[in-house]
Each structure stands twice: as C-alpha cells, then as structure tokens.
Amino acid sequence: MSRFERLVGASLAVALSACGGPTFIVQQYSGPVRAPESIAVLRVNGDAGIVLVSLDGEPIRTRVADDARLHVEMLPGRHQLAIADLVDAARPLGRAVFVAAAGKTYRPMFPSQGKGARVFEVDSASDAPLRDVTVQDAGQESALPDQEKQPARQPLPPVR
C-alpha cells in the first residue's frame, strides 16, 4: 500500500465545509504541512458524481459521500489524474493533465459538451469554475502510468 493510499485511507483530517458536510483533507507531498498560499488544492465534491481514481500515478479510488468533499493538497506543478464518472458508468475512465499554481483550487469534471475529463480552476469560496486548465498536448496519454491505460474498471467501494 502506497503512502498516499495510507493517507487517504487512514489519515483523513476532517473539517467542516461551508455546505455543512465534512471536507477530507489529504496531503499529497512529503514533509510538514505547508502554508495554504504555497500549495494547490484538488477538490472533488461528493455530489458531483466523480471519483478520483488516481493522482500522479498513485491509486486513490476513494468515493466521497454526497454531502462531503475531498481536498488533496499538492505542490504546484504538472499533475496527471484519472477520474471515473458515477453518473454514466459506460463512459471510459477520464484522464487529464494540468498545471497547478500555488494558492489555487482545481476541480476535475466531465463537462456536458465534449468528451473526456477536464480540470478547471475554481473559486475556492463559491466553487464556481473560472477557467479550464487542462493541458492540450498529444503526449498526455503516454504520460499516464500503464495501470491507468487499461480499460477495465473495477467496482468502487460503497460510501459508508
């Protein structure tokens, strides 16, 4: 089990979010906690019908309850993710590459128009999408680990 899986599975810090449900905070980087203005946050809302399958090659597959959200604190820079669509189980695993900036919040989505996963910078207070930050290059598929390229999807654990 990887360090990230242990953090997600066993060391979730809980804080109350503005919508009343818990926010699970996971630190993706090594070392002590860093100041909010020096890190980026990847936000997954439980009611969005999205499951974060992996981030930077680390398997996650943690489903968030509808009234909660997951914040992954990460260092600024290039990141790759894979997400599953809980609303449309026939949709293939979505993959995206994006560049995160310090002090910014990002959210993966499956937009209604277009196909595939996208990552948007969002307003950290309102969660409103501000801009699409998905990297548009032909090499993004080859940058994903082999385990994420396989089309088979495993069932996700139930939310408790």
Protein backbone atom coordinates (compact mmCIF):
# COMPACT_ATOMS: atom_id res chain seq x y z
CA MET A 1 0.00 0.00 0.00
CA SER A 2 1.47 3.37 -1.02
CA ARG A 3 2.00 6.31 1.29
CA PHE A 4 -0.78 8.20 -0.49
CA GLU A 5 -3.23 5.32 -0.12
CA ARG A 6 -2.46 5.16 3.60
CA LEU A 7 -3.02 8.91 3.90
CA VAL A 8 -6.33 8.72 2.07
CA GLY A 9 -7.49 5.58 3.85
CA ALA A 10 -6.29 6.18 7.38
CA SER A 11 -5.22 9.77 7.96
CA LEU A 12 -8.05 11.90 6.67
CA ALA A 13 -8.28 15.17 8.52
CA VAL A 14 -11.85 16.36 8.86
CA ALA A 15 -13.01 19.97 8.81
CA LEU A 16 -16.49 21.41 8.31
CA SER A 17 -17.18 22.87 4.90
CA ALA A 18 -19.48 25.74 4.08
CA CYS A 19 -22.18 23.32 2.90
CA GLY A 20 -22.37 21.58 6.28
CA GLY A 21 -20.71 18.29 5.37
CA PRO A 22 -17.14 17.29 6.10
CA THR A 23 -14.13 18.11 3.97
CA PHE A 24 -11.49 15.39 3.98
CA ILE A 25 -8.03 16.89 3.57
CA VAL A 26 -5.13 14.80 2.29
CA GLN A 27 -1.55 15.98 1.96
CA GLN A 28 -0.03 14.54 -1.24
CA TYR A 29 3.52 15.85 -0.68
CA SER A 30 6.10 14.71 1.89
CA GLY A 31 7.18 16.71 4.91
CA PRO A 32 5.46 19.15 7.22
CA VAL A 33 2.23 20.98 6.43
CA ARG A 34 2.81 23.98 4.19
CA ALA A 35 1.12 27.36 4.14
CA PRO A 36 -2.07 27.50 2.01
CA GLU A 37 -0.54 30.10 -0.31
CA SER A 38 2.33 27.71 -1.16
CA ILE A 39 0.23 24.72 -2.25
CA ALA A 40 -2.57 23.95 -4.71
CA VAL A 41 -5.79 22.09 -3.84
CA LEU A 42 -7.58 19.50 -5.96
CA ARG A 43 -11.24 19.43 -4.86
CA VAL A 44 -13.62 16.54 -5.50
CA ASN A 45 -17.24 17.17 -4.49
CA GLY A 46 -19.15 14.09 -3.41
CA ASP A 47 -22.36 15.21 -5.11
CA ALA A 48 -20.62 15.70 -8.48
CA GLY A 49 -20.73 12.02 -9.42
CA ILE A 50 -16.93 11.87 -9.86
CA VAL A 51 -14.44 9.52 -8.23
CA LEU A 52 -10.75 10.39 -8.20
CA VAL A 53 -9.18 7.10 -9.34
CA SER A 54 -5.54 8.23 -9.27
CA LEU A 55 -3.36 11.30 -8.97
CA ASP A 56 0.21 11.35 -10.30
CA GLY A 57 0.21 7.57 -10.63
CA GLU A 58 -0.89 6.94 -7.03
CA PRO A 59 -4.13 4.93 -6.87
CA ILE A 60 -6.84 6.54 -4.76
CA ARG A 61 -10.32 5.21 -5.68
CA THR A 62 -11.90 6.82 -2.65
CA ARG A 63 -15.54 7.70 -3.09
CA VAL A 64 -16.73 10.75 -1.19
CA ALA A 65 -20.23 10.86 0.34
CA ASP A 66 -22.70 13.20 -1.38
CA ASP A 67 -22.58 15.76 1.47
CA ALA A 68 -18.76 15.80 1.69
CA ARG A 69 -15.74 16.73 -0.37
CA LEU A 70 -12.12 15.70 -0.72
CA HIS A 71 -9.29 18.25 -0.81
CA VAL A 72 -5.93 16.94 -1.97
CA GLU A 73 -3.19 19.40 -1.05
CA MET A 74 -0.40 19.20 -3.63
CA LEU A 75 2.68 21.09 -4.68
CA PRO A 76 2.43 23.48 -7.63
CA GLY A 77 3.40 21.98 -10.98
CA ARG A 78 2.27 19.44 -13.55
CA HIS A 79 -0.14 16.74 -12.34
CA GLN A 80 -2.00 13.89 -14.02
CA LEU A 81 -5.22 12.33 -12.87
CA ALA A 82 -7.77 9.71 -13.75
CA ILE A 83 -11.44 10.02 -12.79
CA ALA A 84 -14.49 7.80 -13.06
CA ASP A 85 -17.99 9.02 -13.88
CA LEU A 86 -20.56 7.62 -11.44
CA VAL A 87 -23.46 9.13 -13.41
CA ASP A 88 -22.52 7.49 -16.73
CA ALA A 89 -20.92 4.12 -15.96
CA ALA A 90 -20.46 3.48 -19.69
CA ARG A 91 -18.13 6.47 -20.01
CA PRO A 92 -14.50 5.37 -20.16
CA LEU A 93 -12.08 6.39 -17.44
CA GLY A 94 -11.32 10.09 -17.85
CA ARG A 95 -7.71 11.23 -17.89
CA ALA A 96 -6.31 14.74 -17.73
CA VAL A 97 -3.04 16.57 -17.25
CA PHE A 98 -2.95 20.05 -15.74
CA VAL A 99 -0.52 22.54 -14.23
CA ALA A 100 -1.43 23.69 -10.73
CA ALA A 101 -0.39 27.07 -9.31
CA ALA A 102 0.20 27.88 -5.65
CA GLY A 103 -2.83 29.27 -3.83
CA LYS A 104 -5.31 27.97 -6.44
CA THR A 105 -8.11 25.40 -6.22
CA TYR A 106 -8.93 22.94 -9.01
CA ARG A 107 -11.78 20.54 -9.70
CA PRO A 108 -11.95 17.64 -12.17
CA MET A 109 -15.13 17.43 -14.25
CA PHE A 110 -16.80 15.70 -17.17
CA PRO A 111 -18.33 18.70 -18.99
CA SER A 112 -21.61 18.04 -20.76
CA GLN A 113 -20.16 19.21 -24.06
CA GLY A 114 -17.09 17.43 -25.30
CA LYS A 115 -15.80 14.09 -24.22
CA GLY A 116 -13.22 13.26 -21.62
CA ALA A 117 -12.08 14.65 -18.34
CA ARG A 118 -11.23 18.30 -17.83
CA VAL A 119 -9.70 20.17 -14.90
CA PHE A 120 -10.98 23.62 -14.01
CA GLU A 121 -9.59 26.26 -11.70
CA VAL A 122 -12.47 27.13 -9.37
CA ASP A 123 -13.18 29.93 -6.94
CA SER A 124 -12.19 28.48 -3.57
CA ALA A 125 -15.12 30.13 -1.78
CA SER A 126 -18.01 29.66 -4.24
CA ASP A 127 -16.64 26.64 -6.16
CA ALA A 128 -17.62 28.38 -9.41
CA PRO A 129 -15.49 27.28 -12.39
CA LEU A 130 -13.14 30.07 -13.52
CA ARG A 131 -11.15 28.53 -16.39
CA ASP A 132 -10.20 25.23 -17.99
CA VAL A 133 -6.56 24.42 -17.14
CA THR A 134 -6.37 21.02 -18.85
CA VAL A 135 -3.13 20.63 -20.83
CA GLN A 136 -3.87 20.12 -24.53
CA ASP A 137 -0.96 18.08 -25.83
CA ALA A 138 -0.74 14.83 -27.74
CA GLY A 139 1.73 13.37 -25.25
CA GLN A 140 -0.60 13.40 -22.25
CA GLU A 141 -1.88 9.85 -22.86
CA SER A 142 1.66 8.45 -22.98
CA ALA A 143 2.49 10.22 -19.72
CA LEU A 144 -0.03 8.11 -17.80
CA PRO A 145 1.15 5.00 -15.96
CA ASP A 146 0.43 1.67 -17.66
CA GLN A 147 -2.03 0.65 -14.93
CA GLU A 148 -4.25 3.63 -15.82
CA LYS A 149 -4.25 2.82 -19.56
CA GLN A 150 -6.11 -0.44 -19.07
CA PRO A 151 -9.80 -0.09 -19.95
CA ALA A 152 -11.13 -2.48 -17.27
CA ARG A 153 -12.89 -0.70 -14.42
CA GLN A 154 -13.18 -2.26 -11.01
CA PRO A 155 -16.25 -1.66 -8.85
CA LEU A 156 -15.86 1.15 -6.34
CA PRO A 157 -16.39 0.54 -2.63
CA PRO A 158 -19.75 1.74 -1.24
CA VAL A 159 -19.95 5.00 0.67
CA ARG A 160 -20.45 4.36 4.37
